[in-house]
Amino acid sequence: MSTAVAVIISVLVFGCIAYPFVRRMAGVRRESVRGRAEYADLDAEIENRVRELRESGACFCPRCGRKVNEADRFCAGCGASLRQE
């Protein structure tokens, strides 16, 4: 009888100690799922912006990525040559 009581008490104590950790982990999982949805929205927004830039025919410096005009010979940001030799 005393062994059964000891087992029940230890299960209850373990449950009381573990319960807050389990609840916290459930919240973390919920947040990570919500975060993935936000990242998916952000990825779609970035892809749309990249597509718009490509379709606009904009030119960019190969060294620093700054937007440049087609007529420019050098990048105003880093000084790299923009002409193919």
Foldseek 3Di string as FASTA:
>chain_A
DVVVVVVVVVVVVVCVVCVVVVVVVVVVVVVVVVVVVVVVVVVVVVVVVVVVCVVVVWDADPPPGHTDDPPDQADPPPGDGPDDD
